[in-house]
Amino acid sequence: FFSILSNSTTGCCLSNQIVFMGMGDAADNIDSVKKAVDVMTDRSCFGLAPSKITISTVGPSPEAFRDLAKANSVLAWSGHAARDE
C-alpha cells in the first residue's frame, strides 16, 4: 500500500498519499478496492485519512461510478476523448 521514497536525510520514508490508478480501472474491481480502502483508513491498521486516498476511474458506467463514490476516499474522474473535436 505504501510507496517508499528516497530521502537524503533519513534514508527513506513512507508516503501517506495513495492513488489507485493504472493497470486496469478501479471500477473493474470495486469490491477489492473498497476493501483495501477500508483497511487503509481503519485506525487499527494504517489509519490514513480518507482525504489521503484517491481512486481514479474512467467511470465505465454510472453504476460503477456511484459504487466507487461510496468508498471512504476521494474519487477522481479521468475524462478522455477518442477525438480532439
PDB file of N, CA and C in Angstrom:
ATOM      1  N   PHE A   1       0.798  -1.204   0.000  1.00  0.00           N
ATOM      2  CA  PHE A   1       0.000   0.000   0.000  1.00  0.00           C
ATOM      3  C   PHE A   1       0.843   1.271   0.000  1.00  0.00           C
ATOM      4  N   PHE A   2       1.957   1.240   0.646  1.00  0.00           N
ATOM      5  CA  PHE A   2       2.782   2.439   0.751  1.00  0.00           C
ATOM      6  C   PHE A   2       3.945   2.369  -0.223  1.00  0.00           C
ATOM      7  N   SER A   3       4.289   3.512  -0.753  1.00  0.00           N
ATOM      8  CA  SER A   3       5.476   3.549  -1.602  1.00  0.00           C
ATOM      9  C   SER A   3       6.630   4.099  -0.788  1.00  0.00           C
ATOM     10  N   ILE A   4       7.806   3.555  -1.030  1.00  0.00           N
ATOM     11  CA  ILE A   4       8.996   4.010  -0.310  1.00  0.00           C
ATOM     12  C   ILE A   4       9.683   5.078  -1.143  1.00  0.00           C
ATOM     13  N   LEU A   5       9.935   6.196  -0.547  1.00  0.00           N
ATOM     14  CA  LEU A   5      10.571   7.321  -1.225  1.00  0.00           C
ATOM     15  C   LEU A   5      11.968   7.516  -0.660  1.00  0.00           C
ATOM     16  N   SER A   6      12.926   7.811  -1.517  1.00  0.00           N
ATOM     17  CA  SER A   6      14.272   8.047  -1.003  1.00  0.00           C
ATOM     18  C   SER A   6      14.344   9.430  -0.369  1.00  0.00           C
ATOM     19  N   ASN A   7      15.095   9.522   0.677  1.00  0.00           N
ATOM     20  CA  ASN A   7      15.237  10.766   1.405  1.00  0.00           C
ATOM     21  C   ASN A   7      16.687  10.854   1.873  1.00  0.00           C
ATOM     22  N   SER A   8      17.364  11.921   1.488  1.00  0.00           N
ATOM     23  CA  SER A   8      18.796  12.022   1.780  1.00  0.00           C
ATOM     24  C   SER A   8      19.098  12.183   3.267  1.00  0.00           C
ATOM     25  N   THR A   9      18.165  12.696   4.079  1.00  0.00           N
ATOM     26  CA  THR A   9      18.463  12.922   5.489  1.00  0.00           C
ATOM     27  C   THR A   9      18.132  11.722   6.372  1.00  0.00           C
ATOM     28  N   THR A  10      17.057  10.989   6.048  1.00  0.00           N
ATOM     29  CA  THR A  10      16.656   9.881   6.918  1.00  0.00           C
ATOM     30  C   THR A  10      16.815   8.516   6.263  1.00  0.00           C
ATOM     31  N   GLY A  11      17.185   8.468   5.015  1.00  0.00           N
ATOM     32  CA  GLY A  11      17.336   7.194   4.318  1.00  0.00           C
ATOM     33  C   GLY A  11      16.103   6.853   3.508  1.00  0.00           C
ATOM     34  N   CYS A  12      14.934   6.784   4.146  1.00  0.00           N
ATOM     35  CA  CYS A  12      13.678   6.561   3.416  1.00  0.00           C
ATOM     36  C   CYS A  12      12.511   6.918   4.310  1.00  0.00           C
ATOM     37  N   CYS A  13      11.394   7.033   3.725  1.00  0.00           N
ATOM     38  CA  CYS A  13      10.177   7.300   4.484  1.00  0.00           C
ATOM     39  C   CYS A  13       9.000   6.693   3.732  1.00  0.00           C
ATOM     40  N   LEU A  14       7.871   6.564   4.414  1.00  0.00           N
ATOM     41  CA  LEU A  14       6.672   6.033   3.788  1.00  0.00           C
ATOM     42  C   LEU A  14       5.794   7.176   3.305  1.00  0.00           C
ATOM     43  N   SER A  15       5.236   7.004   2.132  1.00  0.00           N
ATOM     44  CA  SER A  15       4.324   8.007   1.590  1.00  0.00           C
ATOM     45  C   SER A  15       2.962   7.843   2.245  1.00  0.00           C
ATOM     46  N   ASN A  16       2.296   8.942   2.538  1.00  0.00           N
ATOM     47  CA  ASN A  16       0.950   8.849   3.097  1.00  0.00           C
ATOM     48  C   ASN A  16      -0.111   9.281   2.096  1.00  0.00           C
ATOM     49  N   GLN A  17       0.237   9.331   0.820  1.00  0.00           N
ATOM     50  CA  GLN A  17      -0.701   9.637  -0.253  1.00  0.00           C
ATOM     51  C   GLN A  17      -0.856   8.393  -1.119  1.00  0.00           C
ATOM     52  N   ILE A  18      -2.066   7.884  -1.252  1.00  0.00           N
ATOM     53  CA  ILE A  18      -2.320   6.679  -2.024  1.00  0.00           C
ATOM     54  C   ILE A  18      -3.231   7.025  -3.196  1.00  0.00           C
ATOM     55  N   VAL A  19      -2.882   6.550  -4.395  1.00  0.00           N
ATOM     56  CA  VAL A  19      -3.726   6.743  -5.574  1.00  0.00           C
ATOM     57  C   VAL A  19      -3.917   5.396  -6.256  1.00  0.00           C
ATOM     58  N   PHE A  20      -5.168   4.996  -6.421  1.00  0.00           N
ATOM     59  CA  PHE A  20      -5.494   3.807  -7.200  1.00  0.00           C
ATOM     60  C   PHE A  20      -5.672   4.249  -8.641  1.00  0.00           C
ATOM     61  N   MET A  21      -4.760   3.828  -9.516  1.00  0.00           N
ATOM     62  CA  MET A  21      -4.879   4.166 -10.937  1.00  0.00           C
ATOM     63  C   MET A  21      -3.933   3.292 -11.741  1.00  0.00           C
ATOM     64  N   GLY A  22      -4.225   3.149 -13.009  1.00  0.00           N
ATOM     65  CA  GLY A  22      -3.357   2.396 -13.896  1.00  0.00           C
ATOM     66  C   GLY A  22      -3.512   0.892 -13.751  1.00  0.00           C
ATOM     67  N   MET A  23      -2.982   0.162 -14.698  1.00  0.00           N
ATOM     68  CA  MET A  23      -3.022  -1.309 -14.705  1.00  0.00           C
ATOM     69  C   MET A  23      -4.459  -1.822 -14.575  1.00  0.00           C
ATOM     70  N   GLY A  24      -5.360  -1.191 -15.272  1.00  0.00           N
ATOM     71  CA  GLY A  24      -6.776  -1.560 -15.188  1.00  0.00           C
ATOM     72  C   GLY A  24      -7.533  -0.553 -14.353  1.00  0.00           C
ATOM     73  N   ASP A  25      -8.784  -0.380 -14.648  1.00  0.00           N
ATOM     74  CA  ASP A  25      -9.599   0.602 -13.948  1.00  0.00           C
ATOM     75  C   ASP A  25     -10.063   0.069 -12.600  1.00  0.00           C
ATOM     76  N   ALA A  26     -10.060   0.919 -11.605  1.00  0.00           N
ATOM     77  CA  ALA A  26     -10.517   0.534 -10.268  1.00  0.00           C
ATOM     78  C   ALA A  26     -11.963   0.040 -10.296  1.00  0.00           C
ATOM     79  N   ALA A  27     -12.757   0.554 -11.215  1.00  0.00           N
ATOM     80  CA  ALA A  27     -14.159   0.151 -11.316  1.00  0.00           C
ATOM     81  C   ALA A  27     -14.317  -1.293 -11.786  1.00  0.00           C
ATOM     82  N   ASP A  28     -13.259  -1.874 -12.332  1.00  0.00           N
ATOM     83  CA  ASP A  28     -13.306  -3.274 -12.746  1.00  0.00           C
ATOM     84  C   ASP A  28     -13.135  -4.216 -11.554  1.00  0.00           C
ATOM     85  N   ASN A  29     -12.798  -3.659 -10.391  1.00  0.00           N
ATOM     86  CA  ASN A  29     -12.541  -4.469  -9.205  1.00  0.00           C
ATOM     87  C   ASN A  29     -13.030  -3.726  -7.959  1.00  0.00           C
ATOM     88  N   ILE A  30     -14.261  -3.258  -8.011  1.00  0.00           N
ATOM     89  CA  ILE A  30     -14.806  -2.360  -6.989  1.00  0.00           C
ATOM     90  C   ILE A  30     -14.730  -2.952  -5.581  1.00  0.00           C
ATOM     91  N   ASP A  31     -15.169  -4.189  -5.418  1.00  0.00           N
ATOM     92  CA  ASP A  31     -15.208  -4.774  -4.070  1.00  0.00           C
ATOM     93  C   ASP A  31     -13.824  -4.822  -3.427  1.00  0.00           C
ATOM     94  N   SER A  32     -12.822  -5.233  -4.190  1.00  0.00           N
ATOM     95  CA  SER A  32     -11.458  -5.317  -3.640  1.00  0.00           C
ATOM     96  C   SER A  32     -10.875  -3.940  -3.352  1.00  0.00           C
ATOM     97  N   VAL A  33     -11.152  -2.976  -4.223  1.00  0.00           N
ATOM     98  CA  VAL A  33     -10.658  -1.616  -3.995  1.00  0.00           C
ATOM     99  C   VAL A  33     -11.286  -1.038  -2.731  1.00  0.00           C
ATOM    100  N   LYS A  34     -12.593  -1.216  -2.563  1.00  0.00           N
ATOM    101  CA  LYS A  34     -13.259  -0.704  -1.367  1.00  0.00           C
ATOM    102  C   LYS A  34     -12.738  -1.385  -0.097  1.00  0.00           C
ATOM    103  N   LYS A  35     -12.443  -2.696  -0.160  1.00  0.00           N
ATOM    104  CA  LYS A  35     -11.877  -3.392   0.995  1.00  0.00           C
ATOM    105  C   LYS A  35     -10.490  -2.847   1.327  1.00  0.00           C
ATOM    106  N   ALA A  36      -9.693  -2.599   0.303  1.00  0.00           N
ATOM    107  CA  ALA A  36      -8.348  -2.047   0.523  1.00  0.00           C
ATOM    108  C   ALA A  36      -8.434  -0.663   1.162  1.00  0.00           C
ATOM    109  N   VAL A  37      -9.363   0.155   0.707  1.00  0.00           N
ATOM    110  CA  VAL A  37      -9.556   1.491   1.290  1.00  0.00           C
ATOM    111  C   VAL A  37      -9.987   1.363   2.749  1.00  0.00           C
ATOM    112  N   ASP A  38     -10.875   0.418   3.032  1.00  0.00           N
ATOM    113  CA  ASP A  38     -11.304   0.211   4.426  1.00  0.00           C
ATOM    114  C   ASP A  38     -10.126  -0.146   5.322  1.00  0.00           C
ATOM    115  N   VAL A  39      -9.230  -1.004   4.843  1.00  0.00           N
ATOM    116  CA  VAL A  39      -8.045  -1.390   5.625  1.00  0.00           C
ATOM    117  C   VAL A  39      -7.134  -0.184   5.828  1.00  0.00           C
ATOM    118  N   MET A  40      -6.934   0.598   4.773  1.00  0.00           N
ATOM    119  CA  MET A  40      -6.027   1.747   4.882  1.00  0.00           C
ATOM    120  C   MET A  40      -6.559   2.844   5.785  1.00  0.00           C
ATOM    121  N   THR A  41      -7.891   2.982   5.902  1.00  0.00           N
ATOM    122  CA  THR A  41      -8.457   4.027   6.744  1.00  0.00           C
ATOM    123  C   THR A  41      -8.787   3.536   8.148  1.00  0.00           C
ATOM    124  N   ASP A  42      -8.742   2.240   8.375  1.00  0.00           N
ATOM    125  CA  ASP A  42      -9.029   1.668   9.692  1.00  0.00           C
ATOM    126  C   ASP A  42      -7.949   2.103  10.683  1.00  0.00           C
ATOM    127  N   ARG A  43      -8.371   2.674  11.801  1.00  0.00           N
ATOM    128  CA  ARG A  43      -7.408   3.172  12.807  1.00  0.00           C
ATOM    129  C   ARG A  43      -6.563   2.055  13.410  1.00  0.00           C
ATOM    130  N   SER A  44      -7.066   0.831  13.422  1.00  0.00           N
ATOM    131  CA  SER A  44      -6.288  -0.274  13.986  1.00  0.00           C
ATOM    132  C   SER A  44      -5.318  -0.857  12.953  1.00  0.00           C
ATOM    133  N   CYS A  45      -5.396  -0.395  11.718  1.00  0.00           N
ATOM    134  CA  CYS A  45      -4.463  -0.852  10.672  1.00  0.00           C
ATOM    135  C   CYS A  45      -3.527   0.303  10.315  1.00  0.00           C
ATOM    136  N   PHE A  46      -3.793   0.969   9.184  1.00  0.00           N
ATOM    137  CA  PHE A  46      -2.910   2.055   8.749  1.00  0.00           C
ATOM    138  C   PHE A  46      -3.374   3.424   9.233  1.00  0.00           C
ATOM    139  N   GLY A  47      -4.670   3.610   9.437  1.00  0.00           N
ATOM    140  CA  GLY A  47      -5.189   4.855   9.983  1.00  0.00           C
ATOM    141  C   GLY A  47      -5.024   6.078   9.097  1.00  0.00           C
ATOM    142  N   LEU A  48      -5.009   5.878   7.777  1.00  0.00           N
ATOM    143  CA  LEU A  48      -4.887   7.034   6.885  1.00  0.00           C
ATOM    144  C   LEU A  48      -6.195   7.817   6.826  1.00  0.00           C
ATOM    145  N   ALA A  49      -6.090   9.115   6.644  1.00  0.00           N
ATOM    146  CA  ALA A  49      -7.271   9.942   6.456  1.00  0.00           C
ATOM    147  C   ALA A  49      -7.845   9.674   5.060  1.00  0.00           C
ATOM    148  N   PRO A  50      -9.165   9.618   4.922  1.00  0.00           N
ATOM    149  CA  PRO A  50      -9.771   9.407   3.607  1.00  0.00           C
ATOM    150  C   PRO A  50      -9.323  10.431   2.563  1.00  0.00           C
ATOM    151  N   SER A  51      -8.978  11.628   3.002  1.00  0.00           N
ATOM    152  CA  SER A  51      -8.527  12.664   2.069  1.00  0.00           C
ATOM    153  C   SER A  51      -7.159  12.349   1.471  1.00  0.00           C
ATOM    154  N   LYS A  52      -6.455  11.369   2.028  1.00  0.00           N
ATOM    155  CA  LYS A  52      -5.130  10.979   1.529  1.00  0.00           C
ATOM    156  C   LYS A  52      -5.197   9.824   0.531  1.00  0.00           C
ATOM    157  N   ILE A  53      -6.408   9.302   0.275  1.00  0.00           N
ATOM    158  CA  ILE A  53      -6.584   8.177  -0.635  1.00  0.00           C
ATOM    159  C   ILE A  53      -7.457   8.618  -1.808  1.00  0.00           C
ATOM    160  N   THR A  54      -6.959   8.450  -3.018  1.00  0.00           N
ATOM    161  CA  THR A  54      -7.702   8.826  -4.218  1.00  0.00           C
ATOM    162  C   THR A  54      -7.904   7.608  -5.100  1.00  0.00           C
ATOM    163  N   ILE A  55      -9.138   7.441  -5.570  1.00  0.00           N
ATOM    164  CA  ILE A  55      -9.452   6.401  -6.541  1.00  0.00           C
ATOM    165  C   ILE A  55      -9.708   7.099  -7.866  1.00  0.00           C
ATOM    166  N   SER A  56      -8.887   6.787  -8.855  1.00  0.00           N
ATOM    167  CA  SER A  56      -9.026   7.380 -10.182  1.00  0.00           C
ATOM    168  C   SER A  56      -9.725   6.370 -11.091  1.00  0.00           C
ATOM    169  N   THR A  57     -10.743   6.816 -11.804  1.00  0.00           N
ATOM    170  CA  THR A  57     -11.507   5.923 -12.673  1.00  0.00           C
ATOM    171  C   THR A  57     -12.006   6.663 -13.912  1.00  0.00           C
ATOM    172  N   VAL A  58     -12.209   5.915 -14.979  1.00  0.00           N
ATOM    173  CA  VAL A  58     -12.859   6.480 -16.168  1.00  0.00           C
ATOM    174  C   VAL A  58     -14.368   6.362 -16.016  1.00  0.00           C
ATOM    175  N   GLY A  59     -14.809   5.678 -14.971  1.00  0.00           N
ATOM    176  CA  GLY A  59     -16.244   5.529 -14.728  1.00  0.00           C
ATOM    177  C   GLY A  59     -16.940   4.843 -15.883  1.00  0.00           C
ATOM    178  N   PRO A  60     -16.649   3.540 -16.091  1.00  0.00           N
ATOM    179  CA  PRO A  60     -17.192   2.850 -17.252  1.00  0.00           C
ATOM    180  C   PRO A  60     -18.714   2.817 -17.302  1.00  0.00           C
ATOM    181  N   SER A  61     -19.354   3.020 -16.159  1.00  0.00           N
ATOM    182  CA  SER A  61     -20.818   3.094 -16.124  1.00  0.00           C
ATOM    183  C   SER A  61     -21.222   3.986 -14.949  1.00  0.00           C
ATOM    184  N   PRO A  62     -22.406   4.578 -15.028  1.00  0.00           N
ATOM    185  CA  PRO A  62     -22.865   5.395 -13.892  1.00  0.00           C
ATOM    186  C   PRO A  62     -22.953   4.581 -12.599  1.00  0.00           C
ATOM    187  N   GLU A  63     -23.332   3.308 -12.697  1.00  0.00           N
ATOM    188  CA  GLU A  63     -23.436   2.460 -11.509  1.00  0.00           C
ATOM    189  C   GLU A  63     -22.064   2.243 -10.867  1.00  0.00           C
ATOM    190  N   ALA A  64     -21.065   1.972 -11.690  1.00  0.00           N
ATOM    191  CA  ALA A  64     -19.710   1.764 -11.171  1.00  0.00           C
ATOM    192  C   ALA A  64     -19.199   3.029 -10.498  1.00  0.00           C
ATOM    193  N   PHE A  65     -19.453   4.184 -11.101  1.00  0.00           N
ATOM    194  CA  PHE A  65     -19.025   5.458 -10.523  1.00  0.00           C
ATOM    195  C   PHE A  65     -19.707   5.675  -9.172  1.00  0.00           C
ATOM    196  N   ARG A  66     -21.009   5.398  -9.086  1.00  0.00           N
ATOM    197  CA  ARG A  66     -21.740   5.556  -7.820  1.00  0.00           C
ATOM    198  C   ARG A  66     -21.208   4.597  -6.755  1.00  0.00           C
ATOM    199  N   ASP A  67     -20.891   3.356  -7.142  1.00  0.00           N
ATOM    200  CA  ASP A  67     -20.357   2.392  -6.177  1.00  0.00           C
ATOM    201  C   ASP A  67     -19.007   2.837  -5.633  1.00  0.00           C
ATOM    202  N   LEU A  68     -18.136   3.337  -6.499  1.00  0.00           N
ATOM    203  CA  LEU A  68     -16.829   3.808  -6.042  1.00  0.00           C
ATOM    204  C   LEU A  68     -16.959   5.054  -5.173  1.00  0.00           C
ATOM    205  N   ALA A  69     -17.965   5.863  -5.438  1.00  0.00           N
ATOM    206  CA  ALA A  69     -18.176   7.081  -4.650  1.00  0.00           C
ATOM    207  C   ALA A  69     -18.515   6.751  -3.200  1.00  0.00           C
ATOM    208  N   LYS A  70     -18.961   5.527  -2.934  1.00  0.00           N
ATOM    209  CA  LYS A  70     -19.292   5.108  -1.563  1.00  0.00           C
ATOM    210  C   LYS A  70     -18.054   4.736  -0.751  1.00  0.00           C
ATOM    211  N   ALA A  71     -16.917   4.572  -1.413  1.00  0.00           N
ATOM    212  CA  ALA A  71     -15.685   4.240  -0.702  1.00  0.00           C
ATOM    213  C   ALA A  71     -15.246   5.438   0.137  1.00  0.00           C
ATOM    214  N   ASN A  72     -14.587   5.182   1.235  1.00  0.00           N
ATOM    215  CA  ASN A  72     -14.146   6.216   2.160  1.00  0.00           C
ATOM    216  C   ASN A  72     -12.850   6.854   1.640  1.00  0.00           C
ATOM    217  N   SER A  73     -12.987   7.590   0.517  1.00  0.00           N
ATOM    218  CA  SER A  73     -11.817   8.163  -0.157  1.00  0.00           C
ATOM    219  C   SER A  73     -12.256   9.302  -1.064  1.00  0.00           C
ATOM    220  N   VAL A  74     -11.288   9.862  -1.770  1.00  0.00           N
ATOM    221  CA  VAL A  74     -11.551  10.893  -2.775  1.00  0.00           C
ATOM    222  C   VAL A  74     -11.702  10.179  -4.117  1.00  0.00           C
ATOM    223  N   LEU A  75     -12.688  10.579  -4.915  1.00  0.00           N
ATOM    224  CA  LEU A  75     -12.908   9.961  -6.215  1.00  0.00           C
ATOM    225  C   LEU A  75     -12.520  10.959  -7.308  1.00  0.00           C
ATOM    226  N   ALA A  76     -11.664  10.519  -8.211  1.00  0.00           N
ATOM    227  CA  ALA A  76     -11.229  11.360  -9.341  1.00  0.00           C
ATOM    228  C   ALA A  76     -11.722  10.731 -10.629  1.00  0.00           C
ATOM    229  N   TRP A  77     -12.394  11.505 -11.444  1.00  0.00           N
ATOM    230  CA  TRP A  77     -12.898  11.010 -12.722  1.00  0.00           C
ATOM    231  C   TRP A  77     -11.917  11.385 -13.813  1.00  0.00           C
ATOM    232  N   SER A  78     -11.397  10.381 -14.515  1.00  0.00           N
ATOM    233  CA  SER A  78     -10.452  10.602 -15.599  1.00  0.00           C
ATOM    234  C   SER A  78     -11.219  10.683 -16.915  1.00  0.00           C
ATOM    235  N   GLY A  79     -11.434  11.893 -17.370  1.00  0.00           N
ATOM    236  CA  GLY A  79     -12.145  12.083 -18.638  1.00  0.00           C
ATOM    237  C   GLY A  79     -11.160  12.025 -19.808  1.00  0.00           C
ATOM    238  N   HIS A  80     -11.608  11.460 -20.903  1.00  0.00           N
ATOM    239  CA  HIS A  80     -10.784  11.395 -22.099  1.00  0.00           C
ATOM    240  C   HIS A  80     -11.692  11.304 -23.313  1.00  0.00           C
ATOM    241  N   ALA A  81     -11.133  11.561 -24.473  1.00  0.00           N
ATOM    242  CA  ALA A  81     -11.902  11.509 -25.706  1.00  0.00           C
ATOM    243  C   ALA A  81     -11.089  10.817 -26.791  1.00  0.00           C
ATOM    244  N   ALA A  82     -11.778  10.164 -27.678  1.00  0.00           N
ATOM    245  CA  ALA A  82     -11.097   9.488 -28.790  1.00  0.00           C
ATOM    246  C   ALA A  82     -10.682  10.468 -29.870  1.00  0.00           C
ATOM    247  N   ARG A  83     -11.313  11.651 -29.887  1.00  0.00           N
ATOM    248  CA  ARG A  83     -11.009  12.687 -30.884  1.00  0.00           C
ATOM    249  C   ARG A  83     -10.773  14.014 -30.198  1.00  0.00           C
ATOM    250  N   ASP A  84     -10.121  14.915 -30.899  1.00  0.00           N
ATOM    251  CA  ASP A  84      -9.867  16.254 -30.356  1.00  0.00           C
ATOM    252  C   ASP A  84     -10.988  17.239 -30.652  1.00  0.00           C
ATOM    253  N   GLU A  85     -12.081  16.795 -31.205  1.00  0.00           N
ATOM    254  CA  GLU A  85     -13.183  17.698 -31.578  1.00  0.00           C
ATOM    255  C   GLU A  85     -14.041  18.084 -30.399  1.00  0.00           C
TER     256      GLU A  85
END
